Amino acid sequence: MTPEERGVVYGTEDVLTSLCNSVVRVLNVATQSKLHFSAMVQRITKIGLKPDIGCFVLFDGGFSGLVVLNFDGDTALEIYEKYMLNMGMPRSELATSFTSDEVSNILGELMNQIVGDFTGKVRRELQTNITQNQPKMLVLNKQVTLSVDTALDKPEFRRVSFFTEKNNIFYLELAIDHTEFIKLREFDANEVPDPDALLEQQQQQQPAAAEPVSDALDADSDELLRSLGM
């Protein structure tokens, strides 16, 4: 590796971009619509939950931080409705108010998938590991400032705007310790394994007498894919 390649640095904005890409990837698949985020990022001095719905997740490990998603009522309902309709639910059975527990539960589930996608990329691309706690979802009528309950020596705060297909806006806020990853040598970042391909390979390796086990694996795989909104 040349000295120039050895000096490649993966910093806060790169971590933020990876997180934003996870938001778009998960929500695009879950809602079967096109979301995008702003090309500009804000440096902010604090992080918090804002009306109408706020969700936050703490992560720790190779580096520590806090992720917040803030939705207004219209944005929350749009994402919820598109997700549920994509899952095959009739519109007549959907919640009509963003204050419904069902809306908060679905957004919390999507937040969990987003951070899960992000932590997987961190393991593959940065060669380190972070763990997350269970997302917390709150319906709010006023702003709440959050402090990160972990040791951040040089905290950095960022905010990014996201836009839905109907041009509704929601915001991602990130609090993270100042960190830089410097590439020392070349490596291959492993791709996300295809669950269908892994299942097919496992079935081919099993003897014919193990067909009931294969059926159980099929059922478990289908349940996993349904939980991911696929």
C-alpha atoms as a PDB file:
ATOM      1  CA  MET A   1       0.000   0.000   0.000  1.00  0.00           C
ATOM      2  CA  THR A   2       1.343   3.451  -0.915  1.00  0.00           C
ATOM      3  CA  PRO A   3       1.711   6.193   1.728  1.00  0.00           C
ATOM      4  CA  GLU A   4      -1.190   8.044   0.088  1.00  0.00           C
ATOM      5  CA  GLU A   5      -3.488   5.011   0.385  1.00  0.00           C
ATOM      6  CA  ARG A   6      -2.341   4.413   3.972  1.00  0.00           C
ATOM      7  CA  GLY A   7      -3.470   7.953   4.829  1.00  0.00           C
ATOM      8  CA  VAL A   8      -7.101   7.412   3.767  1.00  0.00           C
ATOM      9  CA  VAL A   9      -9.235   8.574   6.699  1.00  0.00           C
ATOM     10  CA  TYR A  10     -12.824   7.574   7.449  1.00  0.00           C
ATOM     11  CA  GLY A  11     -14.234  10.257   9.746  1.00  0.00           C
ATOM     12  CA  THR A  12     -17.450  11.601  11.235  1.00  0.00           C
ATOM     13  CA  GLU A  13     -19.017  12.675   7.941  1.00  0.00           C
ATOM     14  CA  ASP A  14     -18.301   9.243   6.435  1.00  0.00           C
ATOM     15  CA  VAL A  15     -19.986   7.527   9.400  1.00  0.00           C
ATOM     16  CA  LEU A  16     -22.927   9.905   9.011  1.00  0.00           C
ATOM     17  CA  THR A  17     -23.193   9.214   5.267  1.00  0.00           C
ATOM     18  CA  SER A  18     -23.198   5.459   5.905  1.00  0.00           C
ATOM     19  CA  LEU A  19     -25.986   5.920   8.464  1.00  0.00           C
ATOM     20  CA  CYS A  20     -28.008   8.093   6.065  1.00  0.00           C
ATOM     21  CA  ASN A  21     -27.641   5.466   3.334  1.00  0.00           C
ATOM     22  CA  SER A  22     -28.997   2.854   5.762  1.00  0.00           C
ATOM     23  CA  VAL A  23     -32.038   5.069   6.438  1.00  0.00           C
ATOM     24  CA  VAL A  24     -32.756   5.408   2.721  1.00  0.00           C
ATOM     25  CA  ARG A  25     -32.103   1.738   1.937  1.00  0.00           C
ATOM     26  CA  VAL A  26     -34.371   0.364   4.672  1.00  0.00           C
ATOM     27  CA  LEU A  27     -37.223   2.842   4.179  1.00  0.00           C
ATOM     28  CA  ASN A  28     -37.162   2.567   0.383  1.00  0.00           C
ATOM     29  CA  VAL A  29     -37.558  -1.210   0.639  1.00  0.00           C
ATOM     30  CA  ALA A  30     -40.101  -1.052   3.470  1.00  0.00           C
ATOM     31  CA  THR A  31     -42.346   1.545   1.835  1.00  0.00           C
ATOM     32  CA  GLN A  32     -41.630   0.789  -1.837  1.00  0.00           C
ATOM     33  CA  SER A  33     -41.107   4.497  -2.409  1.00  0.00           C
ATOM     34  CA  LYS A  34     -38.198   6.851  -3.030  1.00  0.00           C
ATOM     35  CA  LEU A  35     -36.715   8.806  -0.138  1.00  0.00           C
ATOM     36  CA  HIS A  36     -33.584  10.918  -0.287  1.00  0.00           C
ATOM     37  CA  PHE A  37     -31.505  13.083   2.008  1.00  0.00           C
ATOM     38  CA  SER A  38     -30.046  16.558   1.662  1.00  0.00           C
ATOM     39  CA  ALA A  39     -26.595  17.041   0.187  1.00  0.00           C
ATOM     40  CA  MET A  40     -25.900  19.471   3.040  1.00  0.00           C
ATOM     41  CA  VAL A  41     -25.336  18.533   6.683  1.00  0.00           C
ATOM     42  CA  GLN A  42     -25.735  20.821   9.695  1.00  0.00           C
ATOM     43  CA  ARG A  43     -23.235  21.077  12.541  1.00  0.00           C
ATOM     44  CA  ILE A  44     -25.362  21.519  15.652  1.00  0.00           C
ATOM     45  CA  THR A  45     -24.560  22.075  19.324  1.00  0.00           C
ATOM     46  CA  LYS A  46     -27.052  19.684  20.925  1.00  0.00           C
ATOM     47  CA  ILE A  47     -29.247  16.736  20.030  1.00  0.00           C
ATOM     48  CA  GLY A  48     -32.852  16.139  21.011  1.00  0.00           C
ATOM     49  CA  LEU A  49     -36.346  14.802  20.355  1.00  0.00           C
ATOM     50  CA  LYS A  50     -38.833  17.098  18.630  1.00  0.00           C
ATOM     51  CA  PRO A  51     -42.600  16.982  18.013  1.00  0.00           C
ATOM     52  CA  ASP A  52     -44.522  15.087  16.841  1.00  0.00           C
ATOM     53  CA  ILE A  53     -42.679  11.735  17.136  1.00  0.00           C
ATOM     54  CA  GLY A  54     -39.092  11.227  18.213  1.00  0.00           C
ATOM     55  CA  CYS A  55     -37.102   7.998  18.237  1.00  0.00           C
ATOM     56  CA  PHE A  56     -33.624   7.427  19.624  1.00  0.00           C
ATOM     57  CA  VAL A  57     -31.080   4.592  19.814  1.00  0.00           C
ATOM     58  CA  LEU A  58     -27.806   4.424  21.737  1.00  0.00           C
ATOM     59  CA  PHE A  59     -24.849   2.481  20.354  1.00  0.00           C
ATOM     60  CA  ASP A  60     -21.543   1.553  21.934  1.00  0.00           C
ATOM     61  CA  GLY A  61     -18.449  -0.498  21.194  1.00  0.00           C
ATOM     62  CA  GLY A  62     -15.714   0.518  18.746  1.00  0.00           C
ATOM     63  CA  PHE A  63     -17.159   4.022  18.988  1.00  0.00           C
ATOM     64  CA  SER A  64     -20.117   5.431  20.890  1.00  0.00           C
ATOM     65  CA  GLY A  65     -23.013   7.678  20.027  1.00  0.00           C
ATOM     66  CA  LEU A  66     -26.703   8.428  19.845  1.00  0.00           C
ATOM     67  CA  VAL A  67     -28.996   8.419  16.786  1.00  0.00           C
ATOM     68  CA  VAL A  68     -32.291  10.337  16.744  1.00  0.00           C
ATOM     69  CA  LEU A  69     -35.048  10.433  14.113  1.00  0.00           C
ATOM     70  CA  ASN A  70     -37.657  13.213  14.394  1.00  0.00           C
ATOM     71  CA  PHE A  71     -40.934  13.027  12.450  1.00  0.00           C
ATOM     72  CA  ASP A  72     -43.865  15.402  12.224  1.00  0.00           C
ATOM     73  CA  GLY A  73     -47.315  13.795  12.199  1.00  0.00           C
ATOM     74  CA  ASP A  74     -47.822  13.856   8.414  1.00  0.00           C
ATOM     75  CA  THR A  75     -44.435  12.285   7.718  1.00  0.00           C
ATOM     76  CA  ALA A  76     -44.957   9.573  10.329  1.00  0.00           C
ATOM     77  CA  LEU A  77     -48.365   8.679   8.875  1.00  0.00           C
ATOM     78  CA  GLU A  78     -47.034   8.603   5.300  1.00  0.00           C
ATOM     79  CA  ILE A  79     -44.223   6.179   6.182  1.00  0.00           C
ATOM     80  CA  TYR A  80     -46.525   4.060   8.357  1.00  0.00           C
ATOM     81  CA  GLU A  81     -49.263   3.848   5.693  1.00  0.00           C
ATOM     82  CA  LYS A  82     -46.877   2.996   2.854  1.00  0.00           C
ATOM     83  CA  TYR A  83     -45.207   0.308   4.960  1.00  0.00           C
ATOM     84  CA  MET A  84     -48.479  -1.307   6.043  1.00  0.00           C
ATOM     85  CA  LEU A  85     -49.985  -1.179   2.534  1.00  0.00           C
ATOM     86  CA  ASN A  86     -46.793  -2.737   1.171  1.00  0.00           C
ATOM     87  CA  MET A  87     -47.238  -5.512   3.756  1.00  0.00           C
ATOM     88  CA  GLY A  88     -50.721  -6.202   2.364  1.00  0.00           C
ATOM     89  CA  MET A  89     -52.858  -4.495   5.019  1.00  0.00           C
ATOM     90  CA  PRO A  90     -56.125  -2.985   3.723  1.00  0.00           C
ATOM     91  CA  ARG A  91     -56.302   0.785   4.028  1.00  0.00           C
ATOM     92  CA  SER A  92     -59.552   0.522   5.993  1.00  0.00           C
ATOM     93  CA  GLU A  93     -57.691  -1.171   8.876  1.00  0.00           C
ATOM     94  CA  LEU A  94     -54.894   1.402   9.178  1.00  0.00           C
ATOM     95  CA  ALA A  95     -54.542   3.877  12.034  1.00  0.00           C
ATOM     96  CA  THR A  96     -55.591   7.400  11.071  1.00  0.00           C
ATOM     97  CA  SER A  97     -53.710   9.375  13.754  1.00  0.00           C
ATOM     98  CA  PHE A  98     -49.958   9.640  14.280  1.00  0.00           C
ATOM     99  CA  THR A  99     -50.601   9.383  18.046  1.00  0.00           C
ATOM    100  CA  SER A 100     -51.710   5.758  17.624  1.00  0.00           C
ATOM    101  CA  ASP A 101     -49.466   3.209  19.351  1.00  0.00           C
ATOM    102  CA  GLU A 102     -49.394   1.235  16.099  1.00  0.00           C
ATOM    103  CA  VAL A 103     -47.695   4.124  14.271  1.00  0.00           C
ATOM    104  CA  SER A 104     -45.036   4.448  16.969  1.00  0.00           C
ATOM    105  CA  ASN A 105     -44.467   0.679  17.014  1.00  0.00           C
ATOM    106  CA  ILE A 106     -43.941   0.514  13.252  1.00  0.00           C
ATOM    107  CA  LEU A 107     -41.555   3.474  13.238  1.00  0.00           C
ATOM    108  CA  GLY A 108     -39.648   1.887  16.127  1.00  0.00           C
ATOM    109  CA  GLU A 109     -39.385  -1.373  14.185  1.00  0.00           C
ATOM    110  CA  LEU A 110     -38.068   0.488  11.123  1.00  0.00           C
ATOM    111  CA  MET A 111     -35.577   2.372  13.298  1.00  0.00           C
ATOM    112  CA  ASN A 112     -34.312  -0.956  14.631  1.00  0.00           C
ATOM    113  CA  GLN A 113     -33.809  -2.240  11.076  1.00  0.00           C
ATOM    114  CA  ILE A 114     -31.999   0.967  10.069  1.00  0.00           C
ATOM    115  CA  VAL A 115     -29.492   0.803  12.930  1.00  0.00           C
ATOM    116  CA  GLY A 116     -29.089  -2.940  12.378  1.00  0.00           C
ATOM    117  CA  ASP A 117     -28.194  -2.305   8.729  1.00  0.00           C
ATOM    118  CA  PHE A 118     -25.747   0.405   9.833  1.00  0.00           C
ATOM    119  CA  THR A 119     -24.006  -1.736  12.474  1.00  0.00           C
ATOM    120  CA  GLY A 120     -23.587  -4.503   9.896  1.00  0.00           C
ATOM    121  CA  LYS A 121     -21.810  -2.087   7.546  1.00  0.00           C
ATOM    122  CA  VAL A 122     -19.592  -0.879  10.405  1.00  0.00           C
ATOM    123  CA  ARG A 123     -18.422  -4.459  11.012  1.00  0.00           C
ATOM    124  CA  ARG A 124     -17.687  -5.048   7.347  1.00  0.00           C
ATOM    125  CA  GLU A 125     -16.289  -1.681   6.273  1.00  0.00           C
ATOM    126  CA  LEU A 126     -14.553  -0.389   9.408  1.00  0.00           C
ATOM    127  CA  GLN A 127     -13.422  -3.734  10.825  1.00  0.00           C
ATOM    128  CA  THR A 128     -14.886  -2.930  14.258  1.00  0.00           C
ATOM    129  CA  ASN A 129     -18.085  -3.672  16.139  1.00  0.00           C
ATOM    130  CA  ILE A 130     -20.827  -1.593  17.742  1.00  0.00           C
ATOM    131  CA  THR A 131     -23.922  -2.749  19.581  1.00  0.00           C
ATOM    132  CA  GLN A 132     -27.267  -0.987  19.872  1.00  0.00           C
ATOM    133  CA  ASN A 133     -30.009  -0.845  22.456  1.00  0.00           C
ATOM    134  CA  GLN A 134     -33.733  -1.190  21.724  1.00  0.00           C
ATOM    135  CA  PRO A 135     -35.136   1.941  20.002  1.00  0.00           C
ATOM    136  CA  LYS A 136     -37.324   4.177  22.167  1.00  0.00           C
ATOM    137  CA  MET A 137     -40.263   5.924  20.464  1.00  0.00           C
ATOM    138  CA  LEU A 138     -42.076   8.910  22.025  1.00  0.00           C
ATOM    139  CA  VAL A 139     -45.058  11.015  20.941  1.00  0.00           C
ATOM    140  CA  LEU A 140     -44.196  14.580  21.955  1.00  0.00           C
ATOM    141  CA  ASN A 141     -45.787  18.002  22.162  1.00  0.00           C
ATOM    142  CA  LYS A 142     -42.561  19.839  23.026  1.00  0.00           C
ATOM    143  CA  GLN A 143     -38.839  19.534  22.386  1.00  0.00           C
ATOM    144  CA  VAL A 144     -36.699  17.349  24.673  1.00  0.00           C
ATOM    145  CA  THR A 145     -32.903  17.729  24.805  1.00  0.00           C
ATOM    146  CA  LEU A 146     -30.940  14.484  25.186  1.00  0.00           C
ATOM    147  CA  SER A 147     -27.524  13.833  26.693  1.00  0.00           C
ATOM    148  CA  VAL A 148     -25.497  10.784  25.729  1.00  0.00           C
ATOM    149  CA  ASP A 149     -25.113   8.446  28.708  1.00  0.00           C
ATOM    150  CA  THR A 150     -21.661   7.292  27.658  1.00  0.00           C
ATOM    151  CA  ALA A 151     -18.123   8.673  27.666  1.00  0.00           C
ATOM    152  CA  LEU A 152     -17.730  11.076  24.729  1.00  0.00           C
ATOM    153  CA  ASP A 153     -14.402  12.901  25.031  1.00  0.00           C
ATOM    154  CA  LYS A 154     -14.937  15.159  21.988  1.00  0.00           C
ATOM    155  CA  PRO A 155     -18.609  14.902  21.013  1.00  0.00           C
ATOM    156  CA  GLU A 156     -19.726  16.012  17.573  1.00  0.00           C
ATOM    157  CA  PHE A 157     -23.327  16.710  16.580  1.00  0.00           C
ATOM    158  CA  ARG A 158     -24.870  16.584  13.118  1.00  0.00           C
ATOM    159  CA  ARG A 159     -28.348  16.958  11.591  1.00  0.00           C
ATOM    160  CA  VAL A 160     -29.483  15.807   8.135  1.00  0.00           C
ATOM    161  CA  SER A 161     -32.828  16.487   6.418  1.00  0.00           C
ATOM    162  CA  PHE A 162     -34.691  13.655   4.662  1.00  0.00           C
ATOM    163  CA  PHE A 163     -37.482  13.982   2.111  1.00  0.00           C
ATOM    164  CA  THR A 164     -40.241  11.472   1.408  1.00  0.00           C
ATOM    165  CA  GLU A 165     -41.950  10.780  -1.905  1.00  0.00           C
ATOM    166  CA  LYS A 166     -44.687  13.281  -0.927  1.00  0.00           C
ATOM    167  CA  ASN A 167     -41.978  15.807  -0.004  1.00  0.00           C
ATOM    168  CA  ASN A 168     -42.647  15.494   3.717  1.00  0.00           C
ATOM    169  CA  ILE A 169     -39.531  16.099   5.812  1.00  0.00           C
ATOM    170  CA  PHE A 170     -37.984  14.289   8.750  1.00  0.00           C
ATOM    171  CA  TYR A 171     -34.618  14.728  10.427  1.00  0.00           C
ATOM    172  CA  LEU A 172     -31.782  12.504  11.540  1.00  0.00           C
ATOM    173  CA  GLU A 173     -29.550  13.751  14.341  1.00  0.00           C
ATOM    174  CA  LEU A 174     -26.289  12.083  15.329  1.00  0.00           C
ATOM    175  CA  ALA A 175     -24.124  12.556  18.402  1.00  0.00           C
ATOM    176  CA  ILE A 176     -20.795  10.763  18.116  1.00  0.00           C
ATOM    177  CA  ASP A 177     -17.357  10.912  19.676  1.00  0.00           C
ATOM    178  CA  HIS A 178     -14.771  12.426  17.363  1.00  0.00           C
ATOM    179  CA  THR A 179     -13.181   9.439  15.659  1.00  0.00           C
ATOM    180  CA  GLU A 180     -11.089   8.646  12.602  1.00  0.00           C
ATOM    181  CA  PHE A 181     -10.399   5.293  10.960  1.00  0.00           C
ATOM    182  CA  ILE A 182      -7.154   5.105   8.972  1.00  0.00           C
ATOM    183  CA  LYS A 183      -6.689   2.292   6.489  1.00  0.00           C
ATOM    184  CA  LEU A 184      -3.458   0.398   7.200  1.00  0.00           C
ATOM    185  CA  ARG A 185      -3.820  -2.249   4.492  1.00  0.00           C
ATOM    186  CA  GLU A 186      -6.205  -3.361   1.783  1.00  0.00           C
ATOM    187  CA  PHE A 187      -9.058  -5.695   2.720  1.00  0.00           C
ATOM    188  CA  ASP A 188     -12.289  -6.954   1.202  1.00  0.00           C
ATOM    189  CA  ALA A 189     -15.442  -5.736   2.889  1.00  0.00           C
ATOM    190  CA  ASN A 190     -17.703  -8.783   2.940  1.00  0.00           C
ATOM    191  CA  GLU A 191     -21.026  -8.362   1.205  1.00  0.00           C
ATOM    192  CA  VAL A 192     -24.322  -8.908   3.014  1.00  0.00           C
ATOM    193  CA  PRO A 193     -25.128 -12.632   2.750  1.00  0.00           C
ATOM    194  CA  ASP A 194     -28.188 -13.497   0.657  1.00  0.00           C
ATOM    195  CA  PRO A 195     -30.530 -15.420   3.004  1.00  0.00           C
ATOM    196  CA  ASP A 196     -32.217 -17.205   0.065  1.00  0.00           C
ATOM    197  CA  ALA A 197     -28.860 -18.358  -1.344  1.00  0.00           C
ATOM    198  CA  LEU A 198     -27.675 -19.553   2.061  1.00  0.00           C
ATOM    199  CA  LEU A 199     -30.923 -21.450   2.589  1.00  0.00           C
ATOM    200  CA  GLU A 200     -30.689 -23.107  -0.835  1.00  0.00           C
ATOM    201  CA  GLN A 201     -27.083 -24.114  -0.184  1.00  0.00           C
ATOM    202  CA  GLN A 202     -28.021 -25.618   3.176  1.00  0.00           C
ATOM    203  CA  GLN A 203     -30.932 -27.535   1.654  1.00  0.00           C
ATOM    204  CA  GLN A 204     -28.671 -29.008  -1.031  1.00  0.00           C
ATOM    205  CA  GLN A 205     -26.269 -30.250   1.645  1.00  0.00           C
ATOM    206  CA  GLN A 206     -29.000 -31.941   3.663  1.00  0.00           C
ATOM    207  CA  PRO A 207     -30.042 -35.554   2.945  1.00  0.00           C
ATOM    208  CA  ALA A 208     -33.509 -36.309   1.636  1.00  0.00           C
ATOM    209  CA  ALA A 209     -34.559 -37.623   5.046  1.00  0.00           C
ATOM    210  CA  ALA A 210     -34.167 -34.131   6.483  1.00  0.00           C
ATOM    211  CA  GLU A 211     -37.018 -32.595   4.472  1.00  0.00           C
ATOM    212  CA  PRO A 212     -39.109 -31.682   7.579  1.00  0.00           C
ATOM    213  CA  VAL A 213     -36.145 -29.652   8.880  1.00  0.00           C
ATOM    214  CA  SER A 214     -35.867 -27.887   5.525  1.00  0.00           C
ATOM    215  CA  ASP A 215     -39.549 -27.001   5.712  1.00  0.00           C
ATOM    216  CA  ALA A 216     -38.981 -25.475   9.132  1.00  0.00           C
ATOM    217  CA  LEU A 217     -36.059 -23.452   7.801  1.00  0.00           C
ATOM    218  CA  ASP A 218     -38.236 -22.197   4.939  1.00  0.00           C
ATOM    219  CA  ALA A 219     -40.870 -21.055   7.432  1.00  0.00           C
ATOM    220  CA  ASP A 220     -38.258 -19.311   9.608  1.00  0.00           C
ATOM    221  CA  SER A 221     -36.735 -17.592   6.563  1.00  0.00           C
ATOM    222  CA  ASP A 222     -40.140 -16.399   5.353  1.00  0.00           C
ATOM    223  CA  GLU A 223     -40.929 -15.052   8.827  1.00  0.00           C
ATOM    224  CA  LEU A 224     -37.578 -13.183   8.905  1.00  0.00           C
ATOM    225  CA  LEU A 225     -38.163 -11.643   5.496  1.00  0.00           C
ATOM    226  CA  ARG A 226     -41.681 -10.604   6.488  1.00  0.00           C
ATOM    227  CA  SER A 227     -40.326  -8.930   9.643  1.00  0.00           C
ATOM    228  CA  LEU A 228     -37.901  -6.977   7.458  1.00  0.00           C
ATOM    229  CA  GLY A 229     -40.710  -5.837   5.195  1.00  0.00           C
ATOM    230  CA  MET A 230     -39.449  -7.870   2.215  1.00  0.00           C
END
